[in-house]
Amino acid sequence: MKCVVYSASRNLYPYLKAAVHSLLKHTTVDKVYLLIEDDKLPFEMPDVCEIVNISKQSYFRASGPNFRTRFTYLSLMRVCYAKLFPDLDKILQLDVDTIVTDDISKLWDVDLNGKYFAAVEEYLSNWKPFGPKYYNIGVAMFNLDYIRKTHVDDDLINDLNNKFYPYIDQDVWNKYGVTKAADLDVIFNESFVTGYTDHPAIIHYAGVKNWFDYGKMKRWEYLYETRKEIGEEW
């Protein structure tokens, strides 16, 4: 099955519409899971979407060092996919600040044998606390079957409950999985930390504080056109 997952705290709900629309416009998928804090969104989404309310999650304690940060506890839940989706062998994670611009079906064909995930390296970033490589998992294909077999997610959950990490889930996936990661081409995650290409398949507006300030972004026109297509002007 071709399954995708997005996660969004309430302040990010508006961005889901554009992100999901861009995905479904270019790629046929079986299911889009939306990890949110409620039983439903304040607007309609396509039938292929399924809401997963994680507000009552029990993996992370509210007093933990990463529970209330600029990324919110939704980021913590992104190390729990193998537990949240026990019937799936893999799932594609997309940040809500991504816009898909081309067919990305080939991502499901990436060889994940012996790998926790596939992602694009942050070639332009100096943040490399766990070795010479550091991956951006705003776009990442996770090998849920292998994660279950190795129980590495239990290590990540335990670590996040006991130690602060500036980039939360991304940091621990790099800490535990940097040597068990497959490289994706930068076309699948174009951003200011991964690099730019002539024909991106996924644009990641990483680091942008406010999408409404789209005029200052590189590749802002893709976001603008997507918003127009769903009938929402800024």
C-alpha atoms as a PDB file:
ATOM      1  CA  MET A   1       0.000   0.000   0.000  1.00  0.00           C
ATOM      2  CA  LYS A   2       1.085   3.541  -0.720  1.00  0.00           C
ATOM      3  CA  CYS A   3       0.470   5.359   2.547  1.00  0.00           C
ATOM      4  CA  VAL A   4       1.449   8.873   3.616  1.00  0.00           C
ATOM      5  CA  VAL A   5       1.365  10.519   7.019  1.00  0.00           C
ATOM      6  CA  TYR A   6       1.238  14.183   8.011  1.00  0.00           C
ATOM      7  CA  SER A   7       1.151  15.514  11.567  1.00  0.00           C
ATOM      8  CA  ALA A   8      -0.126  18.899  12.672  1.00  0.00           C
ATOM      9  CA  SER A   9      -0.890  20.676  15.912  1.00  0.00           C
ATOM     10  CA  ARG A  10      -3.962  22.930  15.802  1.00  0.00           C
ATOM     11  CA  ASN A  11      -2.045  26.004  14.674  1.00  0.00           C
ATOM     12  CA  LEU A  12      -0.863  24.051  11.623  1.00  0.00           C
ATOM     13  CA  TYR A  13      -4.252  22.725  10.523  1.00  0.00           C
ATOM     14  CA  PRO A  14      -4.667  25.332   7.747  1.00  0.00           C
ATOM     15  CA  TYR A  15      -1.484  24.130   6.040  1.00  0.00           C
ATOM     16  CA  LEU A  16      -2.755  20.568   5.683  1.00  0.00           C
ATOM     17  CA  LYS A  17      -5.185  21.426   2.900  1.00  0.00           C
ATOM     18  CA  ALA A  18      -2.548  22.750   0.534  1.00  0.00           C
ATOM     19  CA  ALA A  19      -0.011  20.049   1.374  1.00  0.00           C
ATOM     20  CA  VAL A  20      -2.417  17.155   0.882  1.00  0.00           C
ATOM     21  CA  HIS A  21      -3.957  18.692  -2.236  1.00  0.00           C
ATOM     22  CA  SER A  22      -0.545  18.975  -3.876  1.00  0.00           C
ATOM     23  CA  LEU A  23       0.205  15.335  -3.070  1.00  0.00           C
ATOM     24  CA  LEU A  24      -3.075  13.979  -4.435  1.00  0.00           C
ATOM     25  CA  LYS A  25      -2.847  16.136  -7.545  1.00  0.00           C
ATOM     26  CA  HIS A  26       0.380  14.429  -8.618  1.00  0.00           C
ATOM     27  CA  THR A  27       0.457  10.985  -6.995  1.00  0.00           C
ATOM     28  CA  THR A  28      -2.061   8.207  -6.436  1.00  0.00           C
ATOM     29  CA  VAL A  29      -1.946   6.890  -2.868  1.00  0.00           C
ATOM     30  CA  ASP A  30      -4.094   4.440  -0.922  1.00  0.00           C
ATOM     31  CA  LYS A  31      -4.325   6.359   2.332  1.00  0.00           C
ATOM     32  CA  VAL A  32      -3.270   9.673   3.852  1.00  0.00           C
ATOM     33  CA  TYR A  33      -3.112   9.604   7.635  1.00  0.00           C
ATOM     34  CA  LEU A  34      -3.471  12.912   9.475  1.00  0.00           C
ATOM     35  CA  LEU A  35      -2.084  12.874  13.016  1.00  0.00           C
ATOM     36  CA  ILE A  36      -3.886  15.715  14.746  1.00  0.00           C
ATOM     37  CA  GLU A  37      -5.174  16.738  18.184  1.00  0.00           C
ATOM     38  CA  ASP A  38      -8.906  16.324  17.483  1.00  0.00           C
ATOM     39  CA  ASP A  39     -11.422  13.835  16.093  1.00  0.00           C
ATOM     40  CA  LYS A  40     -12.016  16.003  13.051  1.00  0.00           C
ATOM     41  CA  LEU A  41     -10.684  19.040  11.262  1.00  0.00           C
ATOM     42  CA  PRO A  42     -12.619  22.326  10.954  1.00  0.00           C
ATOM     43  CA  PHE A  43     -12.813  21.779   7.181  1.00  0.00           C
ATOM     44  CA  GLU A  44     -13.444  18.915   4.763  1.00  0.00           C
ATOM     45  CA  MET A  45     -10.626  16.733   3.448  1.00  0.00           C
ATOM     46  CA  PRO A  46     -10.638  14.134   0.632  1.00  0.00           C
ATOM     47  CA  ASP A  47     -12.041  10.686   1.424  1.00  0.00           C
ATOM     48  CA  VAL A  48      -8.602   9.117   1.131  1.00  0.00           C
ATOM     49  CA  CYS A  49      -7.625  10.945   4.332  1.00  0.00           C
ATOM     50  CA  GLU A  50      -8.013   9.302   7.739  1.00  0.00           C
ATOM     51  CA  ILE A  51      -7.720  11.251  10.966  1.00  0.00           C
ATOM     52  CA  VAL A  52      -5.744   9.799  13.874  1.00  0.00           C
ATOM     53  CA  ASN A  53      -6.383  11.711  17.102  1.00  0.00           C
ATOM     54  CA  ILE A  54      -3.220  11.380  19.182  1.00  0.00           C
ATOM     55  CA  SER A  55      -4.184  13.832  21.947  1.00  0.00           C
ATOM     56  CA  LYS A  56      -4.488  10.966  24.428  1.00  0.00           C
ATOM     57  CA  GLN A  57      -1.164   9.361  23.556  1.00  0.00           C
ATOM     58  CA  SER A  58       0.706   7.578  26.360  1.00  0.00           C
ATOM     59  CA  TYR A  59       4.225   7.298  24.932  1.00  0.00           C
ATOM     60  CA  PHE A  60       5.485  10.672  26.158  1.00  0.00           C
ATOM     61  CA  ARG A  61       4.911  12.342  29.512  1.00  0.00           C
ATOM     62  CA  ALA A  62       3.942  16.001  29.620  1.00  0.00           C
ATOM     63  CA  SER A  63       6.821  16.735  31.991  1.00  0.00           C
ATOM     64  CA  GLY A  64       9.374  15.357  29.547  1.00  0.00           C
ATOM     65  CA  PRO A  65      12.184  17.572  28.190  1.00  0.00           C
ATOM     66  CA  ASN A  66      10.828  17.622  24.618  1.00  0.00           C
ATOM     67  CA  PHE A  67       7.083  17.776  25.208  1.00  0.00           C
ATOM     68  CA  ARG A  68       6.650  21.552  25.156  1.00  0.00           C
ATOM     69  CA  THR A  69       9.090  23.120  22.726  1.00  0.00           C
ATOM     70  CA  ARG A  70       8.771  25.132  19.525  1.00  0.00           C
ATOM     71  CA  PHE A  71       8.006  21.859  17.696  1.00  0.00           C
ATOM     72  CA  THR A  72       5.218  20.632  20.053  1.00  0.00           C
ATOM     73  CA  TYR A  73       4.635  17.044  21.110  1.00  0.00           C
ATOM     74  CA  LEU A  74       3.352  16.144  17.631  1.00  0.00           C
ATOM     75  CA  SER A  75       6.986  15.844  16.587  1.00  0.00           C
ATOM     76  CA  LEU A  76       7.508  13.213  19.272  1.00  0.00           C
ATOM     77  CA  MET A  77       4.795  11.036  17.783  1.00  0.00           C
ATOM     78  CA  ARG A  78       6.758  10.752  14.570  1.00  0.00           C
ATOM     79  CA  VAL A  79       8.984   8.089  16.114  1.00  0.00           C
ATOM     80  CA  CYS A  80       5.905   5.951  16.898  1.00  0.00           C
ATOM     81  CA  TYR A  81       4.683   5.032  13.421  1.00  0.00           C
ATOM     82  CA  ALA A  82       5.536   1.344  13.796  1.00  0.00           C
ATOM     83  CA  LYS A  83       3.217   1.256  16.821  1.00  0.00           C
ATOM     84  CA  LEU A  84       0.514   3.534  15.425  1.00  0.00           C
ATOM     85  CA  PHE A  85       0.261   1.644  12.134  1.00  0.00           C
ATOM     86  CA  PRO A  86       0.857  -2.025  13.020  1.00  0.00           C
ATOM     87  CA  ASP A  87      -0.477  -3.328   9.703  1.00  0.00           C
ATOM     88  CA  LEU A  88       1.830  -1.255   7.471  1.00  0.00           C
ATOM     89  CA  ASP A  89       5.330  -2.251   6.395  1.00  0.00           C
ATOM     90  CA  LYS A  90       6.330   1.258   5.275  1.00  0.00           C
ATOM     91  CA  ILE A  91       4.985   4.798   5.325  1.00  0.00           C
ATOM     92  CA  LEU A  92       6.004   8.105   3.752  1.00  0.00           C
ATOM     93  CA  GLN A  93       6.263  11.030   6.146  1.00  0.00           C
ATOM     94  CA  LEU A  94       5.683  14.512   4.729  1.00  0.00           C
ATOM     95  CA  ASP A  95       5.864  17.752   6.700  1.00  0.00           C
ATOM     96  CA  VAL A  96       2.904  20.106   6.432  1.00  0.00           C
ATOM     97  CA  ASP A  97       5.241  22.726   4.963  1.00  0.00           C
ATOM     98  CA  THR A  98       5.857  20.672   1.824  1.00  0.00           C
ATOM     99  CA  ILE A  99       4.311  21.013  -1.627  1.00  0.00           C
ATOM    100  CA  VAL A 100       4.463  18.095  -4.055  1.00  0.00           C
ATOM    101  CA  THR A 101       5.079  19.265  -7.633  1.00  0.00           C
ATOM    102  CA  ASP A 102       5.448  15.961  -9.530  1.00  0.00           C
ATOM    103  CA  ASP A 103       4.686  12.248  -9.314  1.00  0.00           C
ATOM    104  CA  ILE A 104       6.580  10.732  -6.364  1.00  0.00           C
ATOM    105  CA  SER A 105       5.411   7.120  -6.783  1.00  0.00           C
ATOM    106  CA  LYS A 106       8.972   5.861  -7.174  1.00  0.00           C
ATOM    107  CA  LEU A 107       9.622   6.628  -3.500  1.00  0.00           C
ATOM    108  CA  TRP A 108       7.754   3.427  -2.625  1.00  0.00           C
ATOM    109  CA  ASP A 109      10.263   1.474  -4.724  1.00  0.00           C
ATOM    110  CA  VAL A 110      13.319   2.626  -2.746  1.00  0.00           C
ATOM    111  CA  ASP A 111      15.324  -0.300  -1.362  1.00  0.00           C
ATOM    112  CA  LEU A 112      14.921  -0.182   2.421  1.00  0.00           C
ATOM    113  CA  ASN A 113      16.418  -3.573   3.183  1.00  0.00           C
ATOM    114  CA  GLY A 114      18.289  -3.237   6.494  1.00  0.00           C
ATOM    115  CA  LYS A 115      17.415   0.482   6.667  1.00  0.00           C
ATOM    116  CA  TYR A 116      15.249   2.389   9.124  1.00  0.00           C
ATOM    117  CA  PHE A 117      14.395   5.132   6.671  1.00  0.00           C
ATOM    118  CA  ALA A 118      15.259   6.860   3.414  1.00  0.00           C
ATOM    119  CA  ALA A 119      15.736  10.623   3.351  1.00  0.00           C
ATOM    120  CA  VAL A 120      17.740  13.494   1.874  1.00  0.00           C
ATOM    121  CA  GLU A 121      20.938  14.562   3.580  1.00  0.00           C
ATOM    122  CA  GLU A 122      21.202  18.144   4.820  1.00  0.00           C
ATOM    123  CA  TYR A 123      24.145  18.960   2.595  1.00  0.00           C
ATOM    124  CA  LEU A 124      24.017  22.704   3.329  1.00  0.00           C
ATOM    125  CA  SER A 125      23.669  22.509   7.108  1.00  0.00           C
ATOM    126  CA  ASN A 126      26.453  22.659   9.677  1.00  0.00           C
ATOM    127  CA  TRP A 127      24.339  20.780  12.239  1.00  0.00           C
ATOM    128  CA  LYS A 128      25.925  17.312  12.339  1.00  0.00           C
ATOM    129  CA  PRO A 129      25.984  16.247  15.996  1.00  0.00           C
ATOM    130  CA  PHE A 130      26.079  12.494  15.374  1.00  0.00           C
ATOM    131  CA  GLY A 131      28.625  12.110  12.594  1.00  0.00           C
ATOM    132  CA  PRO A 132      29.484  13.342   9.101  1.00  0.00           C
ATOM    133  CA  LYS A 133      25.916  12.906   7.828  1.00  0.00           C
ATOM    134  CA  TYR A 134      22.646  14.388   9.010  1.00  0.00           C
ATOM    135  CA  TYR A 135      19.306  13.683   7.303  1.00  0.00           C
ATOM    136  CA  ASN A 136      16.268  15.912   7.000  1.00  0.00           C
ATOM    137  CA  ILE A 137      13.226  13.793   7.716  1.00  0.00           C
ATOM    138  CA  GLY A 138      10.622  16.337   6.674  1.00  0.00           C
ATOM    139  CA  VAL A 139      10.380  13.896   3.785  1.00  0.00           C
ATOM    140  CA  ALA A 140      11.210  10.333   4.809  1.00  0.00           C
ATOM    141  CA  MET A 141      10.137   6.826   3.868  1.00  0.00           C
ATOM    142  CA  PHE A 142      10.130   4.696   7.017  1.00  0.00           C
ATOM    143  CA  ASN A 143      10.678   0.941   7.034  1.00  0.00           C
ATOM    144  CA  LEU A 144       8.143   0.056   9.722  1.00  0.00           C
ATOM    145  CA  ASP A 145       8.734  -3.665   9.389  1.00  0.00           C
ATOM    146  CA  TYR A 146      12.456  -3.325  10.167  1.00  0.00           C
ATOM    147  CA  ILE A 147      11.781  -0.839  12.959  1.00  0.00           C
ATOM    148  CA  ARG A 148       9.513  -3.394  14.627  1.00  0.00           C
ATOM    149  CA  LYS A 149      12.042  -6.189  14.245  1.00  0.00           C
ATOM    150  CA  THR A 150      14.828  -4.153  15.858  1.00  0.00           C
ATOM    151  CA  HIS A 151      12.617  -2.338  18.430  1.00  0.00           C
ATOM    152  CA  VAL A 152      14.661   0.796  17.772  1.00  0.00           C
ATOM    153  CA  ASP A 153      11.563   2.930  18.289  1.00  0.00           C
ATOM    154  CA  ASP A 154      11.557   1.907  21.959  1.00  0.00           C
ATOM    155  CA  ASP A 155      15.079   3.334  22.273  1.00  0.00           C
ATOM    156  CA  LEU A 156      14.004   6.576  20.610  1.00  0.00           C
ATOM    157  CA  ILE A 157      10.952   6.956  22.848  1.00  0.00           C
ATOM    158  CA  ASN A 158      13.002   6.339  25.960  1.00  0.00           C
ATOM    159  CA  ASP A 159      15.696   8.804  24.890  1.00  0.00           C
ATOM    160  CA  LEU A 160      13.164  11.539  24.060  1.00  0.00           C
ATOM    161  CA  ASN A 161      11.555  11.081  27.466  1.00  0.00           C
ATOM    162  CA  ASN A 162      14.844  11.672  29.242  1.00  0.00           C
ATOM    163  CA  LYS A 163      17.026  14.055  27.219  1.00  0.00           C
ATOM    164  CA  PHE A 164      16.407  17.318  25.382  1.00  0.00           C
ATOM    165  CA  TYR A 165      17.040  17.381  21.618  1.00  0.00           C
ATOM    166  CA  PRO A 166      16.880  20.647  19.637  1.00  0.00           C
ATOM    167  CA  TYR A 167      15.297  18.953  16.605  1.00  0.00           C
ATOM    168  CA  ILE A 168      13.461  16.260  18.523  1.00  0.00           C
ATOM    169  CA  ASP A 169      12.471  13.337  16.270  1.00  0.00           C
ATOM    170  CA  GLN A 170      14.901  14.309  13.532  1.00  0.00           C
ATOM    171  CA  ASP A 171      17.797  14.333  15.992  1.00  0.00           C
ATOM    172  CA  VAL A 172      17.087  10.920  17.464  1.00  0.00           C
ATOM    173  CA  TRP A 173      16.498   9.309  14.094  1.00  0.00           C
ATOM    174  CA  ASN A 174      19.892  10.605  13.048  1.00  0.00           C
ATOM    175  CA  LYS A 175      21.463   9.515  16.330  1.00  0.00           C
ATOM    176  CA  TYR A 176      20.185   5.939  16.106  1.00  0.00           C
ATOM    177  CA  GLY A 177      19.726   5.522  12.376  1.00  0.00           C
ATOM    178  CA  VAL A 178      22.273   7.609  10.489  1.00  0.00           C
ATOM    179  CA  THR A 179      24.220   4.449   9.576  1.00  0.00           C
ATOM    180  CA  LYS A 180      20.998   2.658   8.642  1.00  0.00           C
ATOM    181  CA  ALA A 181      19.545   5.242   6.282  1.00  0.00           C
ATOM    182  CA  ALA A 182      19.114   5.182   2.513  1.00  0.00           C
ATOM    183  CA  ASP A 183      19.871   8.320   0.521  1.00  0.00           C
ATOM    184  CA  LEU A 184      17.149  10.021  -1.495  1.00  0.00           C
ATOM    185  CA  ASP A 185      17.796  12.428  -4.339  1.00  0.00           C
ATOM    186  CA  VAL A 186      17.443  16.092  -3.411  1.00  0.00           C
ATOM    187  CA  ILE A 187      14.539  16.423  -5.876  1.00  0.00           C
ATOM    188  CA  PHE A 188      12.395  14.758  -3.210  1.00  0.00           C
ATOM    189  CA  ASN A 189      13.165  17.360  -0.550  1.00  0.00           C
ATOM    190  CA  GLU A 190      14.345  20.666  -1.959  1.00  0.00           C
ATOM    191  CA  SER A 191      15.043  23.148   0.835  1.00  0.00           C
ATOM    192  CA  PHE A 192      17.581  25.631   2.138  1.00  0.00           C
ATOM    193  CA  VAL A 193      19.344  22.881   4.128  1.00  0.00           C
ATOM    194  CA  THR A 194      19.238  20.085   1.543  1.00  0.00           C
ATOM    195  CA  GLY A 195      19.915  22.066  -1.630  1.00  0.00           C
ATOM    196  CA  TYR A 196      18.117  23.113  -4.800  1.00  0.00           C
ATOM    197  CA  THR A 197      17.484  21.467  -8.146  1.00  0.00           C
ATOM    198  CA  ASP A 198      16.078  22.430 -11.535  1.00  0.00           C
ATOM    199  CA  HIS A 199      13.014  20.214 -11.290  1.00  0.00           C
ATOM    200  CA  PRO A 200      11.981  19.454  -7.696  1.00  0.00           C
ATOM    201  CA  ALA A 201       9.335  16.819  -6.994  1.00  0.00           C
ATOM    202  CA  ILE A 202       8.821  18.027  -3.422  1.00  0.00           C
ATOM    203  CA  ILE A 203       9.505  21.549  -2.194  1.00  0.00           C
ATOM    204  CA  HIS A 204      10.057  21.849   1.544  1.00  0.00           C
ATOM    205  CA  TYR A 205       9.592  25.346   2.941  1.00  0.00           C
ATOM    206  CA  ALA A 206      11.703  24.414   5.960  1.00  0.00           C
ATOM    207  CA  GLY A 207      12.613  27.171   8.367  1.00  0.00           C
ATOM    208  CA  VAL A 208       9.935  29.566   7.155  1.00  0.00           C
ATOM    209  CA  LYS A 209       8.152  30.944  10.203  1.00  0.00           C
ATOM    210  CA  ASN A 210       5.025  32.081   8.436  1.00  0.00           C
ATOM    211  CA  TRP A 211       3.676  30.634   5.193  1.00  0.00           C
ATOM    212  CA  PHE A 212       1.594  33.754   4.743  1.00  0.00           C
ATOM    213  CA  ASP A 213       4.863  35.516   3.973  1.00  0.00           C
ATOM    214  CA  TYR A 214       5.142  33.410   0.809  1.00  0.00           C
ATOM    215  CA  GLY A 215       6.481  36.284  -1.301  1.00  0.00           C
ATOM    216  CA  LYS A 216       9.838  36.038   0.457  1.00  0.00           C
ATOM    217  CA  MET A 217      10.278  32.309  -0.145  1.00  0.00           C
ATOM    218  CA  LYS A 218      12.246  30.614  -2.845  1.00  0.00           C
ATOM    219  CA  ARG A 219       9.756  28.655  -4.974  1.00  0.00           C
ATOM    220  CA  TRP A 220       6.867  30.584  -3.452  1.00  0.00           C
ATOM    221  CA  GLU A 221       4.982  30.362  -6.752  1.00  0.00           C
ATOM    222  CA  TYR A 222       4.254  26.641  -6.251  1.00  0.00           C
ATOM    223  CA  LEU A 223       2.633  27.333  -2.911  1.00  0.00           C
ATOM    224  CA  TYR A 224       0.709  30.273  -4.331  1.00  0.00           C
ATOM    225  CA  GLU A 225      -0.695  28.216  -7.239  1.00  0.00           C
ATOM    226  CA  THR A 226      -1.656  25.384  -4.911  1.00  0.00           C
ATOM    227  CA  ARG A 227      -3.569  27.757  -2.644  1.00  0.00           C
ATOM    228  CA  LYS A 228      -5.385  29.180  -5.672  1.00  0.00           C
ATOM    229  CA  GLU A 229      -6.385  25.700  -6.808  1.00  0.00           C
ATOM    230  CA  ILE A 230      -8.126  24.945  -3.524  1.00  0.00           C
ATOM    231  CA  GLY A 231      -9.835  28.346  -3.563  1.00  0.00           C
ATOM    232  CA  GLU A 232      -7.905  29.947  -0.751  1.00  0.00           C
ATOM    233  CA  GLU A 233      -6.189  33.249  -1.321  1.00  0.00           C
ATOM    234  CA  TRP A 234      -3.761  34.805   1.158  1.00  0.00           C
END
